[in-house]
């Protein structure tokens, strides 16, 4: 973990994409990036079978299947499903 962290300071990006040349500090980042070229979508929703390239996208999608809105605006009281939507509000 220390090596990965130190790369954020040195700017070293030892992992390069063979398709587009973009470079990354971590191996996991290039694995995720490669999906933009391959079209791989390994994360599937158990409710509707929609698939996603990234686990975080699936996590955000899952909330469409619920009516729960757990992020509330302190100023006006409006509720939101996603923290990012509240932030924009």
PDB file of N, CA and C in Angstrom:
ATOM      1  N   UNK A   1       0.818  -1.194   0.000  1.00  0.00           N
ATOM      2  CA  UNK A   1       0.000   0.000   0.000  1.00  0.00           C
ATOM      3  C   UNK A   1       0.864   1.261   0.000  1.00  0.00           C
ATOM      4  N   UNK A   2       2.000   1.204   0.676  1.00  0.00           N
ATOM      5  CA  UNK A   2       2.882   2.367   0.739  1.00  0.00           C
ATOM      6  C   UNK A   2       3.438   2.700  -0.642  1.00  0.00           C
ATOM      7  N   UNK A   3       3.768   1.673  -1.415  1.00  0.00           N
ATOM      8  CA  UNK A   3       4.275   1.907  -2.775  1.00  0.00           C
ATOM      9  C   UNK A   3       3.211   2.601  -3.614  1.00  0.00           C
ATOM     10  N   UNK A   4       1.985   2.103  -3.548  1.00  0.00           N
ATOM     11  CA  UNK A   4       0.897   2.737  -4.297  1.00  0.00           C
ATOM     12  C   UNK A   4       0.713   4.184  -3.863  1.00  0.00           C
ATOM     13  N   UNK A   5       0.757   4.427  -2.568  1.00  0.00           N
ATOM     14  CA  UNK A   5       0.581   5.785  -2.060  1.00  0.00           C
ATOM     15  C   UNK A   5       1.718   6.694  -2.519  1.00  0.00           C
ATOM     16  N   UNK A   6       2.938   6.196  -2.474  1.00  0.00           N
ATOM     17  CA  UNK A   6       4.078   7.033  -2.860  1.00  0.00           C
ATOM     18  C   UNK A   6       3.990   7.450  -4.326  1.00  0.00           C
ATOM     19  N   UNK A   7       3.354   6.643  -5.156  1.00  0.00           N
ATOM     20  CA  UNK A   7       3.190   6.999  -6.572  1.00  0.00           C
ATOM     21  C   UNK A   7       2.324   8.243  -6.743  1.00  0.00           C
ATOM     22  N   UNK A   8       1.432   8.490  -5.793  1.00  0.00           N
ATOM     23  CA  UNK A   8       0.607   9.697  -5.888  1.00  0.00           C
ATOM     24  C   UNK A   8       1.460  10.948  -5.712  1.00  0.00           C
ATOM     25  N   UNK A   9       2.601  10.815  -5.066  1.00  0.00           N
ATOM     26  CA  UNK A   9       3.503  11.950  -4.866  1.00  0.00           C
ATOM     27  C   UNK A   9       4.551  12.049  -5.972  1.00  0.00           C
ATOM     28  N   UNK A  10       5.002  10.911  -6.471  1.00  0.00           N
ATOM     29  CA  UNK A  10       6.065  10.918  -7.488  1.00  0.00           C
ATOM     30  C   UNK A  10       5.522  11.066  -8.902  1.00  0.00           C
ATOM     31  N   UNK A  11       4.252  10.731  -9.084  1.00  0.00           N
ATOM     32  CA  UNK A  11       3.674  10.789 -10.426  1.00  0.00           C
ATOM     33  C   UNK A  11       3.979   9.558 -11.260  1.00  0.00           C
ATOM     34  N   UNK A  12       4.639   8.570 -10.662  1.00  0.00           N
ATOM     35  CA  UNK A  12       4.970   7.341 -11.382  1.00  0.00           C
ATOM     36  C   UNK A  12       3.690   6.586 -11.743  1.00  0.00           C
ATOM     37  N   UNK A  13       3.586   6.204 -13.010  1.00  0.00           N
ATOM     38  CA  UNK A  13       2.432   5.443 -13.495  1.00  0.00           C
ATOM     39  C   UNK A  13       2.951   4.268 -14.327  1.00  0.00           C
ATOM     40  N   UNK A  14       3.290   3.177 -13.656  1.00  0.00           N
ATOM     41  CA  UNK A  14       3.940   2.063 -14.343  1.00  0.00           C
ATOM     42  C   UNK A  14       3.018   1.149 -15.148  1.00  0.00           C
ATOM     43  N   UNK A  15       1.718   1.351 -15.064  1.00  0.00           N
ATOM     44  CA  UNK A  15       0.780   0.467 -15.760  1.00  0.00           C
ATOM     45  C   UNK A  15       0.160   1.211 -16.942  1.00  0.00           C
ATOM     46  N   UNK A  16       0.535   0.807 -18.159  1.00  0.00           N
ATOM     47  CA  UNK A  16       0.051   1.476 -19.371  1.00  0.00           C
ATOM     48  C   UNK A  16      -0.908   0.599 -20.148  1.00  0.00           C
ATOM     49  N   UNK A  17      -1.941   1.228 -20.685  1.00  0.00           N
ATOM     50  CA  UNK A  17      -2.914   0.532 -21.517  1.00  0.00           C
ATOM     51  C   UNK A  17      -2.321   0.319 -22.906  1.00  0.00           C
ATOM     52  N   UNK A  18      -2.334  -0.917 -23.367  1.00  0.00           N
ATOM     53  CA  UNK A  18      -1.794  -1.248 -24.690  1.00  0.00           C
ATOM     54  C   UNK A  18      -2.655  -0.682 -25.814  1.00  0.00           C
ATOM     55  N   UNK A  19      -3.933  -0.423 -25.534  1.00  0.00           N
ATOM     56  CA  UNK A  19      -4.836   0.078 -26.572  1.00  0.00           C
ATOM     57  C   UNK A  19      -4.742   1.584 -26.778  1.00  0.00           C
ATOM     58  N   UNK A  20      -4.683   2.347 -25.688  1.00  0.00           N
ATOM     59  CA  UNK A  20      -4.739   3.809 -25.831  1.00  0.00           C
ATOM     60  C   UNK A  20      -3.544   4.538 -25.230  1.00  0.00           C
ATOM     61  N   UNK A  21      -2.706   3.831 -24.480  1.00  0.00           N
ATOM     62  CA  UNK A  21      -1.521   4.449 -23.907  1.00  0.00           C
ATOM     63  C   UNK A  21      -1.721   5.154 -22.578  1.00  0.00           C
ATOM     64  N   UNK A  22      -2.955   5.231 -22.101  1.00  0.00           N
ATOM     65  CA  UNK A  22      -3.192   5.875 -20.808  1.00  0.00           C
ATOM     66  C   UNK A  22      -2.474   5.084 -19.719  1.00  0.00           C
ATOM     67  N   UNK A  23      -1.897   5.799 -18.746  1.00  0.00           N
ATOM     68  CA  UNK A  23      -1.113   5.155 -17.692  1.00  0.00           C
ATOM     69  C   UNK A  23      -1.774   5.321 -16.333  1.00  0.00           C
ATOM     70  N   UNK A  24      -1.470   4.363 -15.443  1.00  0.00           N
ATOM     71  CA  UNK A  24      -2.111   4.319 -14.133  1.00  0.00           C
ATOM     72  C   UNK A  24      -1.106   3.996 -13.041  1.00  0.00           C
ATOM     73  N   UNK A  25      -1.412   4.433 -11.829  1.00  0.00           N
ATOM     74  CA  UNK A  25      -0.534   4.187 -10.683  1.00  0.00           C
ATOM     75  C   UNK A  25      -0.736   2.801 -10.085  1.00  0.00           C
ATOM     76  N   UNK A  26      -1.921   2.226 -10.284  1.00  0.00           N
ATOM     77  CA  UNK A  26      -2.230   0.922  -9.684  1.00  0.00           C
ATOM     78  C   UNK A  26      -2.697  -0.080 -10.736  1.00  0.00           C
ATOM     79  N   UNK A  27      -2.361  -1.328 -10.504  1.00  0.00           N
ATOM     80  CA  UNK A  27      -2.779  -2.403 -11.404  1.00  0.00           C
ATOM     81  C   UNK A  27      -4.303  -2.489 -11.473  1.00  0.00           C
ATOM     82  N   UNK A  28      -4.964  -2.321 -10.330  1.00  0.00           N
ATOM     83  CA  UNK A  28      -6.429  -2.420 -10.304  1.00  0.00           C
ATOM     84  C   UNK A  28      -7.076  -1.337 -11.167  1.00  0.00           C
ATOM     85  N   UNK A  29      -6.439  -0.169 -11.267  1.00  0.00           N
ATOM     86  CA  UNK A  29      -6.995   0.909 -12.085  1.00  0.00           C
ATOM     87  C   UNK A  29      -6.973   0.548 -13.566  1.00  0.00           C
ATOM     88  N   UNK A  30      -5.897  -0.091 -14.000  1.00  0.00           N
ATOM     89  CA  UNK A  30      -5.826  -0.449 -15.421  1.00  0.00           C
ATOM     90  C   UNK A  30      -6.776  -1.602 -15.734  1.00  0.00           C
ATOM     91  N   UNK A  31      -6.982  -2.490 -14.783  1.00  0.00           N
ATOM     92  CA  UNK A  31      -7.945  -3.579 -14.985  1.00  0.00           C
ATOM     93  C   UNK A  31      -9.332  -2.992 -15.207  1.00  0.00           C
ATOM     94  N   UNK A  32      -9.714  -2.025 -14.382  1.00  0.00           N
ATOM     95  CA  UNK A  32     -11.002  -1.353 -14.567  1.00  0.00           C
ATOM     96  C   UNK A  32     -11.040  -0.593 -15.886  1.00  0.00           C
ATOM     97  N   UNK A  33      -9.973   0.097 -16.215  1.00  0.00           N
ATOM     98  CA  UNK A  33      -9.905   0.875 -17.452  1.00  0.00           C
ATOM     99  C   UNK A  33     -10.061  -0.009 -18.686  1.00  0.00           C
ATOM    100  N   UNK A  34      -9.454  -1.168 -18.673  1.00  0.00           N
ATOM    101  CA  UNK A  34      -9.499  -2.080 -19.831  1.00  0.00           C
ATOM    102  C   UNK A  34     -10.937  -2.394 -20.235  1.00  0.00           C
ATOM    103  N   UNK A  35     -11.847  -2.352 -19.290  1.00  0.00           N
ATOM    104  CA  UNK A  35     -13.251  -2.646 -19.596  1.00  0.00           C
ATOM    105  C   UNK A  35     -13.843  -1.633 -20.568  1.00  0.00           C
ATOM    106  N   UNK A  36     -13.277  -0.433 -20.646  1.00  0.00           N
ATOM    107  CA  UNK A  36     -13.770   0.545 -21.620  1.00  0.00           C
ATOM    108  C   UNK A  36     -13.458   0.086 -23.039  1.00  0.00           C
ATOM    109  N   UNK A  37     -12.421  -0.697 -23.199  1.00  0.00           N
ATOM    110  CA  UNK A  37     -12.042  -1.204 -24.516  1.00  0.00           C
ATOM    111  C   UNK A  37     -12.694  -2.551 -24.832  1.00  0.00           C
ATOM    112  N   UNK A  38     -12.843  -3.391 -23.822  1.00  0.00           N
ATOM    113  CA  UNK A  38     -13.359  -4.749 -24.051  1.00  0.00           C
ATOM    114  C   UNK A  38     -14.878  -4.831 -23.993  1.00  0.00           C
ATOM    115  N   UNK A  39     -15.499  -3.873 -23.306  1.00  0.00           N
ATOM    116  CA  UNK A  39     -16.947  -3.917 -23.134  1.00  0.00           C
ATOM    117  C   UNK A  39     -17.389  -4.867 -22.036  1.00  0.00           C
ATOM    118  N   UNK A  40     -16.434  -5.424 -21.308  1.00  0.00           N
ATOM    119  CA  UNK A  40     -16.760  -6.355 -20.220  1.00  0.00           C
ATOM    120  C   UNK A  40     -17.584  -5.637 -19.152  1.00  0.00           C
ATOM    121  N   UNK A  41     -18.640  -6.299 -18.691  1.00  0.00           N
ATOM    122  CA  UNK A  41     -19.524  -5.750 -17.657  1.00  0.00           C
ATOM    123  C   UNK A  41     -19.807  -6.867 -16.645  1.00  0.00           C
ATOM    124  N   UNK A  42     -18.862  -7.140 -15.746  1.00  0.00           N
ATOM    125  CA  UNK A  42     -18.974  -8.308 -14.869  1.00  0.00           C
ATOM    126  C   UNK A  42     -19.885  -8.156 -13.651  1.00  0.00           C
ATOM    127  N   UNK A  43     -20.421  -6.969 -13.418  1.00  0.00           N
ATOM    128  CA  UNK A  43     -21.242  -6.749 -12.226  1.00  0.00           C
ATOM    129  C   UNK A  43     -22.705  -6.624 -12.631  1.00  0.00           C
ATOM    130  N   UNK A  44     -23.523  -7.612 -12.225  1.00  0.00           N
ATOM    131  CA  UNK A  44     -24.928  -7.662 -12.636  1.00  0.00           C
ATOM    132  C   UNK A  44     -25.880  -7.439 -11.472  1.00  0.00           C
ATOM    133  N   UNK A  45     -26.964  -6.741 -11.761  1.00  0.00           N
ATOM    134  CA  UNK A  45     -28.010  -6.489 -10.778  1.00  0.00           C
ATOM    135  C   UNK A  45     -28.845  -7.756 -10.605  1.00  0.00           C
ATOM    136  N   UNK A  46     -29.038  -8.177  -9.373  1.00  0.00           N
ATOM    137  CA  UNK A  46     -29.822  -9.381  -9.087  1.00  0.00           C
ATOM    138  C   UNK A  46     -31.308  -9.166  -9.354  1.00  0.00           C
ATOM    139  N   UNK A  47     -31.758  -7.911  -9.358  1.00  0.00           N
ATOM    140  CA  UNK A  47     -33.175  -7.620  -9.559  1.00  0.00           C
ATOM    141  C   UNK A  47     -33.577  -7.544 -11.032  1.00  0.00           C
ATOM    142  N   UNK A  48     -32.731  -6.949 -11.866  1.00  0.00           N
ATOM    143  CA  UNK A  48     -33.129  -6.744 -13.265  1.00  0.00           C
ATOM    144  C   UNK A  48     -32.116  -7.254 -14.285  1.00  0.00           C
ATOM    145  N   UNK A  49     -31.007  -7.798 -13.828  1.00  0.00           N
ATOM    146  CA  UNK A  49     -29.953  -8.356 -14.679  1.00  0.00           C
ATOM    147  C   UNK A  49     -29.178  -7.326 -15.495  1.00  0.00           C
ATOM    148  N   UNK A  50     -29.395  -6.035 -15.267  1.00  0.00           N
ATOM    149  CA  UNK A  50     -28.591  -5.019 -15.942  1.00  0.00           C
ATOM    150  C   UNK A  50     -27.158  -5.178 -15.449  1.00  0.00           C
ATOM    151  N   UNK A  51     -26.188  -5.014 -16.349  1.00  0.00           N
ATOM    152  CA  UNK A  51     -24.799  -5.231 -15.953  1.00  0.00           C
ATOM    153  C   UNK A  51     -23.976  -3.952 -16.088  1.00  0.00           C
ATOM    154  N   UNK A  52     -22.878  -3.932 -15.335  1.00  0.00           N
ATOM    155  CA  UNK A  52     -22.045  -2.742 -15.225  1.00  0.00           C
ATOM    156  C   UNK A  52     -20.572  -3.115 -15.269  1.00  0.00           C
ATOM    157  N   UNK A  53     -19.768  -2.185 -15.756  1.00  0.00           N
ATOM    158  CA  UNK A  53     -18.328  -2.407 -15.837  1.00  0.00           C
ATOM    159  C   UNK A  53     -17.661  -2.239 -14.474  1.00  0.00           C
ATOM    160  N   UNK A  54     -18.272  -1.437 -13.616  1.00  0.00           N
ATOM    161  CA  UNK A  54     -17.660  -1.133 -12.324  1.00  0.00           C
ATOM    162  C   UNK A  54     -18.615  -1.442 -11.172  1.00  0.00           C
ATOM    163  N   UNK A  55     -18.054  -1.960 -10.105  1.00  0.00           N
ATOM    164  CA  UNK A  55     -18.838  -2.324  -8.926  1.00  0.00           C
ATOM    165  C   UNK A  55     -19.563  -1.111  -8.348  1.00  0.00           C
ATOM    166  N   UNK A  56     -18.919   0.048  -8.381  1.00  0.00           N
ATOM    167  CA  UNK A  56     -19.538   1.258  -7.832  1.00  0.00           C
ATOM    168  C   UNK A  56     -20.775   1.671  -8.627  1.00  0.00           C
ATOM    169  N   UNK A  57     -20.764   1.446  -9.927  1.00  0.00           N
ATOM    170  CA  UNK A  57     -21.930   1.767 -10.758  1.00  0.00           C
ATOM    171  C   UNK A  57     -23.100   0.851 -10.409  1.00  0.00           C
ATOM    172  N   UNK A  58     -22.818  -0.419 -10.164  1.00  0.00           N
ATOM    173  CA  UNK A  58     -23.869  -1.348  -9.733  1.00  0.00           C
ATOM    174  C   UNK A  58     -24.439  -0.907  -8.391  1.00  0.00           C
ATOM    175  N   UNK A  59     -23.579  -0.537  -7.463  1.00  0.00           N
ATOM    176  CA  UNK A  59     -24.036  -0.112  -6.137  1.00  0.00           C
ATOM    177  C   UNK A  59     -24.976   1.085  -6.247  1.00  0.00           C
ATOM    178  N   UNK A  60     -24.653   2.020  -7.113  1.00  0.00           N
ATOM    179  CA  UNK A  60     -25.520   3.188  -7.299  1.00  0.00           C
ATOM    180  C   UNK A  60     -26.830   2.781  -7.969  1.00  0.00           C
ATOM    181  N   UNK A  61     -26.768   1.893  -8.953  1.00  0.00           N
ATOM    182  CA  UNK A  61     -27.952   1.437  -9.683  1.00  0.00           C
ATOM    183  C   UNK A  61     -28.966   0.750  -8.774  1.00  0.00           C
ATOM    184  N   UNK A  62     -28.497  -0.041  -7.839  1.00  0.00           N
ATOM    185  CA  UNK A  62     -29.381  -0.842  -6.984  1.00  0.00           C
ATOM    186  C   UNK A  62     -30.462   0.010  -6.330  1.00  0.00           C
ATOM    187  N   UNK A  63     -30.170   1.262  -6.077  1.00  0.00           N
ATOM    188  CA  UNK A  63     -31.155   2.119  -5.410  1.00  0.00           C
ATOM    189  C   UNK A  63     -32.381   2.407  -6.273  1.00  0.00           C
ATOM    190  N   UNK A  64     -32.328   2.162  -7.583  1.00  0.00           N
ATOM    191  CA  UNK A  64     -33.519   2.387  -8.414  1.00  0.00           C
ATOM    192  C   UNK A  64     -34.618   1.391  -8.068  1.00  0.00           C
ATOM    193  N   UNK A  65     -34.258   0.311  -7.419  1.00  0.00           N
ATOM    194  CA  UNK A  65     -35.230  -0.715  -7.056  1.00  0.00           C
ATOM    195  C   UNK A  65     -35.851  -0.477  -5.676  1.00  0.00           C
ATOM    196  N   UNK A  66     -35.520   0.626  -5.056  1.00  0.00           N
ATOM    197  CA  UNK A  66     -36.081   0.944  -3.747  1.00  0.00           C
ATOM    198  C   UNK A  66     -36.589   2.385  -3.747  1.00  0.00           C
ATOM    199  N   UNK A  67     -37.505   2.664  -2.868  1.00  0.00           N
ATOM    200  CA  UNK A  67     -38.019   4.032  -2.756  1.00  0.00           C
ATOM    201  C   UNK A  67     -37.341   4.779  -1.609  1.00  0.00           C
ATOM    202  N   UNK A  68     -36.426   4.113  -0.937  1.00  0.00           N
ATOM    203  CA  UNK A  68     -35.735   4.725   0.193  1.00  0.00           C
ATOM    204  C   UNK A  68     -34.901   5.922  -0.259  1.00  0.00           C
ATOM    205  N   UNK A  69     -35.076   7.038   0.428  1.00  0.00           N
ATOM    206  CA  UNK A  69     -34.303   8.251   0.160  1.00  0.00           C
ATOM    207  C   UNK A  69     -33.661   8.669   1.479  1.00  0.00           C
ATOM    208  N   UNK A  70     -32.446   8.205   1.703  1.00  0.00           N
ATOM    209  CA  UNK A  70     -31.834   8.381   3.016  1.00  0.00           C
ATOM    210  C   UNK A  70     -30.904   9.586   3.133  1.00  0.00           C
ATOM    211  N   UNK A  71     -30.815  10.422   2.088  1.00  0.00           N
ATOM    212  CA  UNK A  71     -29.959  11.603   2.153  1.00  0.00           C
ATOM    213  C   UNK A  71     -30.831  12.854   2.178  1.00  0.00           C
ATOM    214  N   UNK A  72     -30.829  13.560   3.301  1.00  0.00           N
ATOM    215  CA  UNK A  72     -31.711  14.716   3.494  1.00  0.00           C
ATOM    216  C   UNK A  72     -30.940  16.027   3.492  1.00  0.00           C
ATOM    217  N   UNK A  73     -31.541  17.037   2.869  1.00  0.00           N
ATOM    218  CA  UNK A  73     -30.985  18.388   2.859  1.00  0.00           C
ATOM    219  C   UNK A  73     -31.276  19.047   4.205  1.00  0.00           C
ATOM    220  N   UNK A  74     -30.248  19.558   4.851  1.00  0.00           N
ATOM    221  CA  UNK A  74     -30.418  20.218   6.152  1.00  0.00           C
ATOM    222  C   UNK A  74     -31.180  21.535   6.027  1.00  0.00           C
ATOM    223  N   UNK A  75     -31.108  22.153   4.857  1.00  0.00           N
ATOM    224  CA  UNK A  75     -31.733  23.467   4.682  1.00  0.00           C
ATOM    225  C   UNK A  75     -33.224  23.388   4.373  1.00  0.00           C
ATOM    226  N   UNK A  76     -33.603  22.481   3.458  1.00  0.00           N
ATOM    227  CA  UNK A  76     -35.005  22.456   3.034  1.00  0.00           C
ATOM    228  C   UNK A  76     -35.742  21.165   3.384  1.00  0.00           C
ATOM    229  N   UNK A  77     -34.999  20.122   3.799  1.00  0.00           N
ATOM    230  CA  UNK A  77     -35.631  18.870   4.183  1.00  0.00           C
ATOM    231  C   UNK A  77     -35.905  17.906   3.046  1.00  0.00           C
ATOM    232  N   UNK A  78     -35.597  18.302   1.800  1.00  0.00           N
ATOM    233  CA  UNK A  78     -35.827  17.409   0.663  1.00  0.00           C
ATOM    234  C   UNK A  78     -34.921  16.188   0.789  1.00  0.00           C
ATOM    235  N   UNK A  79     -35.451  15.010   0.399  1.00  0.00           N
ATOM    236  CA  UNK A  79     -34.711  13.755   0.511  1.00  0.00           C
ATOM    237  C   UNK A  79     -34.271  13.258  -0.857  1.00  0.00           C
ATOM    238  N   UNK A  80     -33.118  12.567  -0.867  1.00  0.00           N
ATOM    239  CA  UNK A  80     -32.534  12.063  -2.102  1.00  0.00           C
ATOM    240  C   UNK A  80     -32.053  10.630  -1.925  1.00  0.00           C
ATOM    241  N   UNK A  81     -32.053   9.869  -3.018  1.00  0.00           N
ATOM    242  CA  UNK A  81     -31.558   8.491  -2.991  1.00  0.00           C
ATOM    243  C   UNK A  81     -30.037   8.445  -2.920  1.00  0.00           C
ATOM    244  N   UNK A  82     -29.372   9.399  -3.580  1.00  0.00           N
ATOM    245  CA  UNK A  82     -27.912   9.376  -3.701  1.00  0.00           C
ATOM    246  C   UNK A  82     -27.285  10.588  -3.015  1.00  0.00           C
ATOM    247  N   UNK A  83     -26.175  10.371  -2.349  1.00  0.00           N
ATOM    248  CA  UNK A  83     -25.473  11.484  -1.711  1.00  0.00           C
ATOM    249  C   UNK A  83     -24.993  12.484  -2.756  1.00  0.00           C
ATOM    250  N   UNK A  84     -24.630  11.992  -3.931  1.00  0.00           N
ATOM    251  CA  UNK A  84     -24.149  12.892  -4.988  1.00  0.00           C
ATOM    252  C   UNK A  84     -25.254  13.834  -5.463  1.00  0.00           C
ATOM    253  N   UNK A  85     -26.486  13.362  -5.503  1.00  0.00           N
ATOM    254  CA  UNK A  85     -27.607  14.211  -5.902  1.00  0.00           C
ATOM    255  C   UNK A  85     -27.857  15.281  -4.845  1.00  0.00           C
ATOM    256  N   UNK A  86     -27.746  14.903  -3.583  1.00  0.00           N
ATOM    257  CA  UNK A  86     -27.879  15.873  -2.498  1.00  0.00           C
ATOM    258  C   UNK A  86     -26.793  16.937  -2.605  1.00  0.00           C
ATOM    259  N   UNK A  87     -25.581  16.521  -2.886  1.00  0.00           N
ATOM    260  CA  UNK A  87     -24.470  17.467  -3.010  1.00  0.00           C
ATOM    261  C   UNK A  87     -24.730  18.479  -4.115  1.00  0.00           C
ATOM    262  N   UNK A  88     -25.226  18.019  -5.257  1.00  0.00           N
ATOM    263  CA  UNK A  88     -25.544  18.915  -6.373  1.00  0.00           C
ATOM    264  C   UNK A  88     -26.669  19.869  -5.986  1.00  0.00           C
ATOM    265  N   UNK A  89     -27.652  19.361  -5.255  1.00  0.00           N
ATOM    266  CA  UNK A  89     -28.787  20.171  -4.794  1.00  0.00           C
ATOM    267  C   UNK A  89     -28.293  21.312  -3.920  1.00  0.00           C
TER     268      UNK A  89
END
